[in-house]
Amino acid sequence: MVTSLLLHGRIETTEAKAKELRMFADPVITWGISVHALVAKGDKATAAERAQVVHAKRQARLTVMTREALDKLFSEIGPHFATRKGGYTRILKTRVRKGDAAPMAFIELVGLGPTHVA
């Protein structure tokens, strides 16, 4: 679910799953933020800085399942949240699901909004 959240910016799920997802998504986003300045340096980074970037990508890869989501995390999401000190996700309660009456909610990345993938 973290992968889908990073790719799409917003997903709909049950409230319980959204609250649980927040505990996994925020630390992954923190890994993207921690090295955003080093990623921007590119080839000008020192060997120690490149090692920090590799370490952050490997740690994020434990949770993020696709290369596309990992690239988006370090190129777009990390720099976007660089000045923020937390609270990267927002949960919006939406409806009650027909069938089992489960409370539903959107979980989204604050300030990014949903992105449409064709």
C-alpha atoms as a PDB file:
ATOM      1  CA  MET A   1       0.000   0.000   0.000  1.00  0.00           C
ATOM      2  CA  VAL A   2       2.936   2.339   0.624  1.00  0.00           C
ATOM      3  CA  THR A   3       4.005   1.816  -2.980  1.00  0.00           C
ATOM      4  CA  SER A   4       0.537   2.727  -4.258  1.00  0.00           C
ATOM      5  CA  LEU A   5       0.418   5.790  -2.032  1.00  0.00           C
ATOM      6  CA  LEU A   6       3.775   7.021  -3.345  1.00  0.00           C
ATOM      7  CA  LEU A   7       2.799   6.417  -6.966  1.00  0.00           C
ATOM      8  CA  HIS A   8      -0.716   7.835  -6.891  1.00  0.00           C
ATOM      9  CA  GLY A   9      -0.577  10.423  -4.113  1.00  0.00           C
ATOM     10  CA  ARG A  10      -3.936   9.311  -2.700  1.00  0.00           C
ATOM     11  CA  ILE A  11      -5.661   5.966  -2.190  1.00  0.00           C
ATOM     12  CA  GLU A  12      -8.984   4.919  -0.698  1.00  0.00           C
ATOM     13  CA  THR A  13      -9.013   2.206   1.932  1.00  0.00           C
ATOM     14  CA  THR A  14     -10.624   1.431   5.273  1.00  0.00           C
ATOM     15  CA  GLU A  15      -9.935   3.801   8.155  1.00  0.00           C
ATOM     16  CA  ALA A  16      -8.094   1.121  10.111  1.00  0.00           C
ATOM     17  CA  LYS A  17      -5.793   0.316   7.201  1.00  0.00           C
ATOM     18  CA  ALA A  18      -5.185   4.020   6.565  1.00  0.00           C
ATOM     19  CA  LYS A  19      -4.131   4.577  10.165  1.00  0.00           C
ATOM     20  CA  GLU A  20      -1.824   1.565  10.017  1.00  0.00           C
ATOM     21  CA  LEU A  21      -0.421   2.636   6.638  1.00  0.00           C
ATOM     22  CA  ARG A  22       0.612   5.990   8.097  1.00  0.00           C
ATOM     23  CA  MET A  23       3.051   4.203  10.425  1.00  0.00           C
ATOM     24  CA  PHE A  24       4.820   2.655   7.433  1.00  0.00           C
ATOM     25  CA  ALA A  25       4.639   5.570   4.985  1.00  0.00           C
ATOM     26  CA  ASP A  26       6.032   8.348   7.183  1.00  0.00           C
ATOM     27  CA  PRO A  27       9.380   6.611   7.922  1.00  0.00           C
ATOM     28  CA  VAL A  28       9.833   5.808   4.209  1.00  0.00           C
ATOM     29  CA  ILE A  29       9.235   9.446   3.304  1.00  0.00           C
ATOM     30  CA  THR A  30      11.743  10.427   5.987  1.00  0.00           C
ATOM     31  CA  TRP A  31      14.377   8.334   4.174  1.00  0.00           C
ATOM     32  CA  GLY A  32      13.631  10.303   0.993  1.00  0.00           C
ATOM     33  CA  ILE A  33      13.935  13.595   2.845  1.00  0.00           C
ATOM     34  CA  SER A  34      17.164  12.690   4.633  1.00  0.00           C
ATOM     35  CA  VAL A  35      19.204  12.536   1.424  1.00  0.00           C
ATOM     36  CA  HIS A  36      17.329  14.876  -0.921  1.00  0.00           C
ATOM     37  CA  ALA A  37      20.200  17.400  -0.939  1.00  0.00           C
ATOM     38  CA  LEU A  38      22.737  14.660  -1.677  1.00  0.00           C
ATOM     39  CA  VAL A  39      20.632  13.263  -4.519  1.00  0.00           C
ATOM     40  CA  ALA A  40      20.492  16.757  -6.046  1.00  0.00           C
ATOM     41  CA  LYS A  41      24.321  16.936  -6.067  1.00  0.00           C
ATOM     42  CA  GLY A  42      24.517  14.007  -8.466  1.00  0.00           C
ATOM     43  CA  ASP A  43      28.087  13.357  -9.666  1.00  0.00           C
ATOM     44  CA  LYS A  44      29.505  16.103  -7.448  1.00  0.00           C
ATOM     45  CA  ALA A  45      28.755  14.099  -4.294  1.00  0.00           C
ATOM     46  CA  THR A  46      31.651  12.564  -2.392  1.00  0.00           C
ATOM     47  CA  ALA A  47      31.996   8.832  -1.902  1.00  0.00           C
ATOM     48  CA  ALA A  48      30.655   9.107   1.658  1.00  0.00           C
ATOM     49  CA  GLU A  49      27.625  11.076   0.450  1.00  0.00           C
ATOM     50  CA  ARG A  50      26.927   8.533  -2.291  1.00  0.00           C
ATOM     51  CA  ALA A  51      27.117   5.799   0.347  1.00  0.00           C
ATOM     52  CA  GLN A  52      24.481   7.647   2.405  1.00  0.00           C
ATOM     53  CA  VAL A  53      22.193   7.819  -0.623  1.00  0.00           C
ATOM     54  CA  VAL A  54      22.650   4.108  -1.332  1.00  0.00           C
ATOM     55  CA  HIS A  55      21.914   3.278   2.297  1.00  0.00           C
ATOM     56  CA  ALA A  56      18.733   5.384   2.278  1.00  0.00           C
ATOM     57  CA  LYS A  57      17.549   3.769  -0.967  1.00  0.00           C
ATOM     58  CA  ARG A  58      18.176   0.286   0.406  1.00  0.00           C
ATOM     59  CA  GLN A  59      16.269   1.065   3.592  1.00  0.00           C
ATOM     60  CA  ALA A  60      13.334   2.494   1.630  1.00  0.00           C
ATOM     61  CA  ARG A  61      13.430  -0.507  -0.713  1.00  0.00           C
ATOM     62  CA  LEU A  62      12.511  -2.756   2.232  1.00  0.00           C
ATOM     63  CA  THR A  63       9.016  -1.233   2.101  1.00  0.00           C
ATOM     64  CA  VAL A  64       8.647   0.171  -1.428  1.00  0.00           C
ATOM     65  CA  MET A  65       8.062  -2.589  -3.965  1.00  0.00           C
ATOM     66  CA  THR A  66       8.654  -0.944  -7.365  1.00  0.00           C
ATOM     67  CA  ARG A  67      11.541   0.957  -8.891  1.00  0.00           C
ATOM     68  CA  GLU A  68       9.157   3.623 -10.209  1.00  0.00           C
ATOM     69  CA  ALA A  69       7.853   4.414  -6.705  1.00  0.00           C
ATOM     70  CA  LEU A  70      11.385   4.438  -5.299  1.00  0.00           C
ATOM     71  CA  ASP A  71      12.555   6.890  -7.967  1.00  0.00           C
ATOM     72  CA  LYS A  72       9.547   9.135  -7.332  1.00  0.00           C
ATOM     73  CA  LEU A  73      10.245   9.039  -3.585  1.00  0.00           C
ATOM     74  CA  PHE A  74      13.797  10.331  -3.981  1.00  0.00           C
ATOM     75  CA  SER A  75      13.241  12.716  -6.917  1.00  0.00           C
ATOM     76  CA  GLU A  76       9.854  14.328  -6.142  1.00  0.00           C
ATOM     77  CA  ILE A  77       8.467  13.436  -2.723  1.00  0.00           C
ATOM     78  CA  GLY A  78      11.657  13.873  -0.689  1.00  0.00           C
ATOM     79  CA  PRO A  79      12.401  17.384  -1.982  1.00  0.00           C
ATOM     80  CA  HIS A  80       8.731  18.374  -1.623  1.00  0.00           C
ATOM     81  CA  PHE A  81       8.660  17.550   2.095  1.00  0.00           C
ATOM     82  CA  ALA A  82      12.212  18.743   2.844  1.00  0.00           C
ATOM     83  CA  THR A  83      11.088  21.774   4.864  1.00  0.00           C
ATOM     84  CA  ARG A  84       8.367  19.917   6.736  1.00  0.00           C
ATOM     85  CA  LYS A  85       9.027  18.379  10.159  1.00  0.00           C
ATOM     86  CA  GLY A  86       6.463  15.597   9.978  1.00  0.00           C
ATOM     87  CA  GLY A  87       2.839  14.999   9.119  1.00  0.00           C
ATOM     88  CA  TYR A  88       3.402  13.861   5.563  1.00  0.00           C
ATOM     89  CA  THR A  89       0.065  12.053   5.224  1.00  0.00           C
ATOM     90  CA  ARG A  90      -3.544  13.094   5.742  1.00  0.00           C
ATOM     91  CA  ILE A  91      -6.534  10.829   6.393  1.00  0.00           C
ATOM     92  CA  LEU A  92      -9.935  12.024   5.164  1.00  0.00           C
ATOM     93  CA  LYS A  93     -12.977  10.000   6.211  1.00  0.00           C
ATOM     94  CA  THR A  94     -15.281   9.455   3.241  1.00  0.00           C
ATOM     95  CA  ARG A  95     -18.134   6.963   3.487  1.00  0.00           C
ATOM     96  CA  VAL A  96     -19.385   3.661   4.814  1.00  0.00           C
ATOM     97  CA  ARG A  97     -18.753   0.770   2.432  1.00  0.00           C
ATOM     98  CA  LYS A  98     -21.860  -0.992   1.224  1.00  0.00           C
ATOM     99  CA  GLY A  99     -21.823  -4.665   2.095  1.00  0.00           C
ATOM    100  CA  ASP A 100     -19.891  -4.776   5.340  1.00  0.00           C
ATOM    101  CA  ALA A 101     -20.420  -1.182   6.571  1.00  0.00           C
ATOM    102  CA  ALA A 102     -16.678  -0.610   6.959  1.00  0.00           C
ATOM    103  CA  PRO A 103     -15.760   3.061   7.421  1.00  0.00           C
ATOM    104  CA  MET A 104     -13.723   4.190   4.410  1.00  0.00           C
ATOM    105  CA  ALA A 105     -11.121   6.946   4.145  1.00  0.00           C
ATOM    106  CA  PHE A 106      -8.717   8.547   1.717  1.00  0.00           C
ATOM    107  CA  ILE A 107      -5.084   8.681   2.741  1.00  0.00           C
ATOM    108  CA  GLU A 108      -3.052  11.195   0.789  1.00  0.00           C
ATOM    109  CA  LEU A 109       0.315  12.887   0.743  1.00  0.00           C
ATOM    110  CA  VAL A 110      -0.086  16.419   2.069  1.00  0.00           C
ATOM    111  CA  GLY A 111       0.403  19.078  -0.580  1.00  0.00           C
ATOM    112  CA  LEU A 112       0.972  16.714  -3.484  1.00  0.00           C
ATOM    113  CA  GLY A 113      -2.588  15.659  -4.234  1.00  0.00           C
ATOM    114  CA  PRO A 114      -3.511  12.729  -6.424  1.00  0.00           C
ATOM    115  CA  THR A 115      -1.550  12.121  -9.583  1.00  0.00           C
ATOM    116  CA  HIS A 116      -3.051  10.379 -12.537  1.00  0.00           C
ATOM    117  CA  VAL A 117      -1.039   7.528 -13.987  1.00  0.00           C
ATOM    118  CA  ALA A 118      -2.066   6.553 -17.502  1.00  0.00           C
END
